[in-house]
Amino acid sequence: MKCEFCNSDTARKKVRKPHWFKGSLYIVEDVEAQVCKECGERYFHATTLDEIDRKISGHHEIKEVLSVEVLSA
């Protein structure tokens, strides 16, 4: 596929994705995405995002808990 921002080609890769679900932030590893070879923009299929939501809402193993700072601009 072509990147909608820079029109370069994309390639299938496994990435780490920040994902908001019901007001909480999760980091999901090994998520399949199309990643632009030029600018790095990432595209996720809707079924992939739905699967992440299903996984989060059900019983899931927690690999690690991180602390994140939130700043005002």
PDB file of N, CA and C in Angstrom:
ATOM      1  N   MET A   1       0.841  -1.179   0.000  1.00  0.00           N
ATOM      2  CA  MET A   1       0.000   0.000   0.000  1.00  0.00           C
ATOM      3  C   MET A   1       0.882   1.238   0.000  1.00  0.00           C
ATOM      4  N   LYS A   2       0.294   2.366  -0.316  1.00  0.00           N
ATOM      5  CA  LYS A   2       1.012   3.635  -0.344  1.00  0.00           C
ATOM      6  C   LYS A   2       0.661   4.462   0.892  1.00  0.00           C
ATOM      7  N   CYS A   3       1.643   5.146   1.433  1.00  0.00           N
ATOM      8  CA  CYS A   3       1.431   6.036   2.577  1.00  0.00           C
ATOM      9  C   CYS A   3       0.595   7.231   2.123  1.00  0.00           C
ATOM     10  N   GLU A   4      -0.419   7.569   2.907  1.00  0.00           N
ATOM     11  CA  GLU A   4      -1.271   8.689   2.534  1.00  0.00           C
ATOM     12  C   GLU A   4      -0.616  10.041   2.825  1.00  0.00           C
ATOM     13  N   PHE A   5       0.500  10.059   3.555  1.00  0.00           N
ATOM     14  CA  PHE A   5       1.180  11.306   3.868  1.00  0.00           C
ATOM     15  C   PHE A   5       2.299  11.628   2.888  1.00  0.00           C
ATOM     16  N   CYS A   6       3.119  10.631   2.534  1.00  0.00           N
ATOM     17  CA  CYS A   6       4.270  10.917   1.666  1.00  0.00           C
ATOM     18  C   CYS A   6       4.262  10.095   0.376  1.00  0.00           C
ATOM     19  N   ASN A   7       3.265   9.230   0.215  1.00  0.00           N
ATOM     20  CA  ASN A   7       3.081   8.418  -0.991  1.00  0.00           C
ATOM     21  C   ASN A   7       4.171   7.372  -1.218  1.00  0.00           C
ATOM     22  N   SER A   8       4.945   7.056  -0.196  1.00  0.00           N
ATOM     23  CA  SER A   8       5.960   6.005  -0.303  1.00  0.00           C
ATOM     24  C   SER A   8       5.307   4.647  -0.034  1.00  0.00           C
ATOM     25  N   ASP A   9       6.036   3.587  -0.343  1.00  0.00           N
ATOM     26  CA  ASP A   9       5.541   2.235  -0.094  1.00  0.00           C
ATOM     27  C   ASP A   9       5.592   1.906   1.392  1.00  0.00           C
ATOM     28  N   THR A  10       4.710   0.991   1.798  1.00  0.00           N
ATOM     29  CA  THR A  10       4.724   0.499   3.166  1.00  0.00           C
ATOM     30  C   THR A  10       5.131  -0.965   3.162  1.00  0.00           C
ATOM     31  N   ALA A  11       5.521  -1.446   4.325  1.00  0.00           N
ATOM     32  CA  ALA A  11       5.901  -2.854   4.485  1.00  0.00           C
ATOM     33  C   ALA A  11       5.253  -3.382   5.757  1.00  0.00           C
ATOM     34  N   ARG A  12       4.925  -4.669   5.755  1.00  0.00           N
ATOM     35  CA  ARG A  12       4.333  -5.307   6.928  1.00  0.00           C
ATOM     36  C   ARG A  12       5.413  -5.507   7.983  1.00  0.00           C
ATOM     37  N   LYS A  13       5.104  -5.077   9.212  1.00  0.00           N
ATOM     38  CA  LYS A  13       6.040  -5.227  10.326  1.00  0.00           C
ATOM     39  C   LYS A  13       5.258  -5.481  11.600  1.00  0.00           C
ATOM     40  N   LYS A  14       5.945  -6.015  12.592  1.00  0.00           N
ATOM     41  CA  LYS A  14       5.395  -6.156  13.936  1.00  0.00           C
ATOM     42  C   LYS A  14       5.919  -4.977  14.745  1.00  0.00           C
ATOM     43  N   VAL A  15       5.007  -4.261  15.407  1.00  0.00           N
ATOM     44  CA  VAL A  15       5.380  -3.050  16.133  1.00  0.00           C
ATOM     45  C   VAL A  15       4.827  -3.075  17.550  1.00  0.00           C
ATOM     46  N   ARG A  16       5.303  -2.165  18.372  1.00  0.00           N
ATOM     47  CA  ARG A  16       4.773  -1.925  19.714  1.00  0.00           C
ATOM     48  C   ARG A  16       3.783  -0.774  19.575  1.00  0.00           C
ATOM     49  N   LYS A  17       2.534  -1.003  20.027  1.00  0.00           N
ATOM     50  CA  LYS A  17       1.483  -0.014  19.813  1.00  0.00           C
ATOM     51  C   LYS A  17       0.895   0.491  21.130  1.00  0.00           C
ATOM     52  N   PRO A  18       0.947   1.813  21.365  1.00  0.00           N
ATOM     53  CA  PRO A  18       0.187   2.382  22.473  1.00  0.00           C
ATOM     54  C   PRO A  18      -1.292   2.300  22.089  1.00  0.00           C
ATOM     55  N   HIS A  19      -2.149   1.875  23.010  1.00  0.00           N
ATOM     56  CA  HIS A  19      -3.564   1.669  22.679  1.00  0.00           C
ATOM     57  C   HIS A  19      -4.436   2.096  23.850  1.00  0.00           C
ATOM     58  N   TRP A  20      -5.300   3.076  23.622  1.00  0.00           N
ATOM     59  CA  TRP A  20      -6.233   3.533  24.650  1.00  0.00           C
ATOM     60  C   TRP A  20      -7.486   2.684  24.605  1.00  0.00           C
ATOM     61  N   PHE A  21      -7.949   2.243  25.786  1.00  0.00           N
ATOM     62  CA  PHE A  21      -9.173   1.457  25.883  1.00  0.00           C
ATOM     63  C   PHE A  21      -9.879   1.832  27.174  1.00  0.00           C
ATOM     64  N   LYS A  22     -11.091   2.383  27.042  1.00  0.00           N
ATOM     65  CA  LYS A  22     -11.907   2.798  28.180  1.00  0.00           C
ATOM     66  C   LYS A  22     -11.127   3.661  29.169  1.00  0.00           C
ATOM     67  N   GLY A  23     -10.394   4.640  28.648  1.00  0.00           N
ATOM     68  CA  GLY A  23      -9.689   5.603  29.485  1.00  0.00           C
ATOM     69  C   GLY A  23      -8.354   5.157  30.033  1.00  0.00           C
ATOM     70  N   SER A  24      -7.927   3.950  29.697  1.00  0.00           N
ATOM     71  CA  SER A  24      -6.627   3.452  30.160  1.00  0.00           C
ATOM     72  C   SER A  24      -5.703   3.218  28.973  1.00  0.00           C
ATOM     73  N   LEU A  25      -4.430   3.460  29.204  1.00  0.00           N
ATOM     74  CA  LEU A  25      -3.429   3.275  28.162  1.00  0.00           C
ATOM     75  C   LEU A  25      -2.746   1.929  28.335  1.00  0.00           C
ATOM     76  N   TYR A  26      -2.669   1.179  27.243  1.00  0.00           N
ATOM     77  CA  TYR A  26      -1.983  -0.109  27.214  1.00  0.00           C
ATOM     78  C   TYR A  26      -0.884  -0.038  26.160  1.00  0.00           C
ATOM     79  N   ILE A  27       0.186  -0.780  26.366  1.00  0.00           N
ATOM     80  CA  ILE A  27       1.231  -0.947  25.359  1.00  0.00           C
ATOM     81  C   ILE A  27       1.134  -2.398  24.901  1.00  0.00           C
ATOM     82  N   VAL A  28       0.863  -2.601  23.623  1.00  0.00           N
ATOM     83  CA  VAL A  28       0.688  -3.945  23.084  1.00  0.00           C
ATOM     84  C   VAL A  28       1.855  -4.231  22.141  1.00  0.00           C
ATOM     85  N   GLU A  29       2.558  -5.324  22.395  1.00  0.00           N
ATOM     86  CA  GLU A  29       3.721  -5.687  21.575  1.00  0.00           C
ATOM     87  C   GLU A  29       3.345  -6.652  20.464  1.00  0.00           C
ATOM     88  N   ASP A  30       4.167  -6.674  19.435  1.00  0.00           N
ATOM     89  CA  ASP A  30       4.032  -7.600  18.306  1.00  0.00           C
ATOM     90  C   ASP A  30       2.708  -7.441  17.566  1.00  0.00           C
ATOM     91  N   VAL A  31       2.311  -6.197  17.329  1.00  0.00           N
ATOM     92  CA  VAL A  31       1.087  -5.915  16.588  1.00  0.00           C
ATOM     93  C   VAL A  31       1.448  -5.745  15.116  1.00  0.00           C
ATOM     94  N   GLU A  32       0.708  -6.428  14.257  1.00  0.00           N
ATOM     95  CA  GLU A  32       0.979  -6.332  12.823  1.00  0.00           C
ATOM     96  C   GLU A  32       0.483  -4.993  12.288  1.00  0.00           C
ATOM     97  N   ALA A  33       1.343  -4.324  11.513  1.00  0.00           N
ATOM     98  CA  ALA A  33       1.012  -3.027  10.928  1.00  0.00           C
ATOM     99  C   ALA A  33       1.673  -2.903   9.566  1.00  0.00           C
ATOM    100  N   GLN A  34       1.163  -1.986   8.777  1.00  0.00           N
ATOM    101  CA  GLN A  34       1.837  -1.558   7.557  1.00  0.00           C
ATOM    102  C   GLN A  34       2.584  -0.288   7.944  1.00  0.00           C
ATOM    103  N   VAL A  35       3.895  -0.269   7.749  1.00  0.00           N
ATOM    104  CA  VAL A  35       4.724   0.867   8.167  1.00  0.00           C
ATOM    105  C   VAL A  35       5.379   1.484   6.935  1.00  0.00           C
ATOM    106  N   CYS A  36       5.240   2.812   6.816  1.00  0.00           N
ATOM    107  CA  CYS A  36       5.831   3.521   5.678  1.00  0.00           C
ATOM    108  C   CYS A  36       7.350   3.422   5.745  1.00  0.00           C
ATOM    109  N   LYS A  37       7.949   3.067   4.625  1.00  0.00           N
ATOM    110  CA  LYS A  37       9.400   2.920   4.551  1.00  0.00           C
ATOM    111  C   LYS A  37      10.116   4.274   4.613  1.00  0.00           C
ATOM    112  N   GLU A  38       9.402   5.347   4.295  1.00  0.00           N
ATOM    113  CA  GLU A  38      10.025   6.667   4.256  1.00  0.00           C
ATOM    114  C   GLU A  38       9.792   7.467   5.541  1.00  0.00           C
ATOM    115  N   CYS A  39       8.529   7.643   5.923  1.00  0.00           N
ATOM    116  CA  CYS A  39       8.231   8.527   7.061  1.00  0.00           C
ATOM    117  C   CYS A  39       7.869   7.783   8.343  1.00  0.00           C
ATOM    118  N   GLY A  40       7.627   6.473   8.266  1.00  0.00           N
ATOM    119  CA  GLY A  40       7.347   5.690   9.458  1.00  0.00           C
ATOM    120  C   GLY A  40       5.893   5.671   9.902  1.00  0.00           C
ATOM    121  N   GLU A  41       5.005   6.335   9.150  1.00  0.00           N
ATOM    122  CA  GLU A  41       3.580   6.300   9.505  1.00  0.00           C
ATOM    123  C   GLU A  41       3.110   4.846   9.560  1.00  0.00           C
ATOM    124  N   ARG A  42       2.247   4.539  10.545  1.00  0.00           N
ATOM    125  CA  ARG A  42       1.804   3.161  10.737  1.00  0.00           C
ATOM    126  C   ARG A  42       0.308   3.038  10.488  1.00  0.00           C
ATOM    127  N   TYR A  43      -0.082   1.950   9.837  1.00  0.00           N
ATOM    128  CA  TYR A  43      -1.478   1.686   9.523  1.00  0.00           C
ATOM    129  C   TYR A  43      -1.850   0.327  10.092  1.00  0.00           C
ATOM    130  N   PHE A  44      -3.010   0.291  10.784  1.00  0.00           N
ATOM    131  CA  PHE A  44      -3.482  -0.936  11.406  1.00  0.00           C
ATOM    132  C   PHE A  44      -4.825  -1.324  10.794  1.00  0.00           C
ATOM    133  N   HIS A  45      -5.003  -2.593  10.497  1.00  0.00           N
ATOM    134  CA  HIS A  45      -6.269  -3.079   9.970  1.00  0.00           C
ATOM    135  C   HIS A  45      -7.309  -3.021  11.094  1.00  0.00           C
ATOM    136  N   ALA A  46      -8.553  -2.716  10.759  1.00  0.00           N
ATOM    137  CA  ALA A  46      -9.620  -2.609  11.757  1.00  0.00           C
ATOM    138  C   ALA A  46      -9.785  -3.895  12.555  1.00  0.00           C
ATOM    139  N   THR A  47      -9.626  -5.037  11.910  1.00  0.00           N
ATOM    140  CA  THR A  47      -9.767  -6.308  12.639  1.00  0.00           C
ATOM    141  C   THR A  47      -8.646  -6.484  13.666  1.00  0.00           C
ATOM    142  N   THR A  48      -7.471  -5.951  13.370  1.00  0.00           N
ATOM    143  CA  THR A  48      -6.357  -5.997  14.322  1.00  0.00           C
ATOM    144  C   THR A  48      -6.692  -5.158  15.555  1.00  0.00           C
ATOM    145  N   LEU A  49      -7.239  -3.973  15.343  1.00  0.00           N
ATOM    146  CA  LEU A  49      -7.613  -3.103  16.462  1.00  0.00           C
ATOM    147  C   LEU A  49      -8.750  -3.710  17.281  1.00  0.00           C
ATOM    148  N   ASP A  50      -9.709  -4.330  16.606  1.00  0.00           N
ATOM    149  CA  ASP A  50     -10.803  -5.008  17.320  1.00  0.00           C
ATOM    150  C   ASP A  50     -10.266  -6.155  18.170  1.00  0.00           C
ATOM    151  N   GLU A  51      -9.299  -6.881  17.646  1.00  0.00           N
ATOM    152  CA  GLU A  51      -8.708  -8.003  18.382  1.00  0.00           C
ATOM    153  C   GLU A  51      -7.962  -7.501  19.627  1.00  0.00           C
ATOM    154  N   ILE A  52      -7.299  -6.368  19.510  1.00  0.00           N
ATOM    155  CA  ILE A  52      -6.621  -5.781  20.676  1.00  0.00           C
ATOM    156  C   ILE A  52      -7.656  -5.430  21.743  1.00  0.00           C
ATOM    157  N   ASP A  53      -8.766  -4.803  21.341  1.00  0.00           N
ATOM    158  CA  ASP A  53      -9.831  -4.468  22.297  1.00  0.00           C
ATOM    159  C   ASP A  53     -10.369  -5.719  22.978  1.00  0.00           C
ATOM    160  N   ARG A  54     -10.595  -6.785  22.216  1.00  0.00           N
ATOM    161  CA  ARG A  54     -11.101  -8.040  22.794  1.00  0.00           C
ATOM    162  C   ARG A  54     -10.105  -8.624  23.791  1.00  0.00           C
ATOM    163  N   LYS A  55      -8.833  -8.577  23.421  1.00  0.00           N
ATOM    164  CA  LYS A  55      -7.799  -9.127  24.299  1.00  0.00           C
ATOM    165  C   LYS A  55      -7.723  -8.348  25.614  1.00  0.00           C
ATOM    166  N   ILE A  56      -7.770  -7.025  25.518  1.00  0.00           N
ATOM    167  CA  ILE A  56      -7.692  -6.181  26.710  1.00  0.00           C
ATOM    168  C   ILE A  56      -8.915  -6.383  27.599  1.00  0.00           C
ATOM    169  N   SER A  57     -10.095  -6.475  27.007  1.00  0.00           N
ATOM    170  CA  SER A  57     -11.315  -6.577  27.810  1.00  0.00           C
ATOM    171  C   SER A  57     -11.494  -7.944  28.460  1.00  0.00           C
ATOM    172  N   GLY A  58     -10.799  -8.954  27.959  1.00  0.00           N
ATOM    173  CA  GLY A  58     -10.867 -10.278  28.554  1.00  0.00           C
ATOM    174  C   GLY A  58      -9.700 -10.517  29.498  1.00  0.00           C
ATOM    175  N   HIS A  59      -9.569 -11.750  29.936  1.00  0.00           N
ATOM    176  CA  HIS A  59      -8.436 -12.114  30.798  1.00  0.00           C
ATOM    177  C   HIS A  59      -7.158 -12.096  29.949  1.00  0.00           C
ATOM    178  N   HIS A  60      -6.155 -11.379  30.418  1.00  0.00           N
ATOM    179  CA  HIS A  60      -4.908 -11.295  29.671  1.00  0.00           C
ATOM    180  C   HIS A  60      -3.725 -11.257  30.637  1.00  0.00           C
ATOM    181  N   GLU A  61      -2.611 -11.772  30.158  1.00  0.00           N
ATOM    182  CA  GLU A  61      -1.386 -11.768  30.946  1.00  0.00           C
ATOM    183  C   GLU A  61      -0.734 -10.396  30.865  1.00  0.00           C
ATOM    184  N   ILE A  62      -0.300  -9.890  32.005  1.00  0.00           N
ATOM    185  CA  ILE A  62       0.401  -8.601  32.044  1.00  0.00           C
ATOM    186  C   ILE A  62       1.890  -8.885  32.075  1.00  0.00           C
ATOM    187  N   LYS A  63       2.587  -8.421  31.037  1.00  0.00           N
ATOM    188  CA  LYS A  63       4.023  -8.643  30.933  1.00  0.00           C
ATOM    189  C   LYS A  63       4.814  -7.703  31.840  1.00  0.00           C
ATOM    190  N   GLU A  64       4.343  -6.448  31.922  1.00  0.00           N
ATOM    191  CA  GLU A  64       5.081  -5.426  32.659  1.00  0.00           C
ATOM    192  C   GLU A  64       4.143  -4.258  32.959  1.00  0.00           C
ATOM    193  N   VAL A  65       4.373  -3.564  34.041  1.00  0.00           N
ATOM    194  CA  VAL A  65       3.629  -2.350  34.369  1.00  0.00           C
ATOM    195  C   VAL A  65       4.629  -1.196  34.343  1.00  0.00           C
ATOM    196  N   LEU A  66       4.288  -0.140  33.587  1.00  0.00           N
ATOM    197  CA  LEU A  66       5.167   1.013  33.438  1.00  0.00           C
ATOM    198  C   LEU A  66       4.553   2.235  34.107  1.00  0.00           C
ATOM    199  N   SER A  67       5.395   3.141  34.557  1.00  0.00           N
ATOM    200  CA  SER A  67       4.952   4.431  35.080  1.00  0.00           C
ATOM    201  C   SER A  67       5.196   5.477  33.991  1.00  0.00           C
ATOM    202  N   VAL A  68       4.190   6.323  33.733  1.00  0.00           N
ATOM    203  CA  VAL A  68       4.300   7.319  32.665  1.00  0.00           C
ATOM    204  C   VAL A  68       4.018   8.693  33.231  1.00  0.00           C
ATOM    205  N   GLU A  69       4.863   9.654  32.906  1.00  0.00           N
ATOM    206  CA  GLU A  69       4.645  11.040  33.316  1.00  0.00           C
ATOM    207  C   GLU A  69       3.743  11.731  32.291  1.00  0.00           C
ATOM    208  N   VAL A  70       2.818  12.561  32.770  1.00  0.00           N
ATOM    209  CA  VAL A  70       1.936  13.327  31.915  1.00  0.00           C
ATOM    210  C   VAL A  70       2.241  14.801  32.143  1.00  0.00           C
ATOM    211  N   LEU A  71       2.525  15.521  31.074  1.00  0.00           N
ATOM    212  CA  LEU A  71       2.915  16.936  31.160  1.00  0.00           C
ATOM    213  C   LEU A  71       1.913  17.811  30.422  1.00  0.00           C
ATOM    214  N   SER A  72       1.788  19.060  30.820  1.00  0.00           N
ATOM    215  CA  SER A  72       1.027  20.048  30.069  1.00  0.00           C
ATOM    216  C   SER A  72       1.967  20.727  29.097  1.00  0.00           C
ATOM    217  N   ALA A  73       1.454  21.125  27.956  1.00  0.00           N
ATOM    218  CA  ALA A  73       2.287  21.782  26.933  1.00  0.00           C
ATOM    219  C   ALA A  73       2.654  23.181  27.342  1.00  0.00           C
TER     220      ALA A  73
END
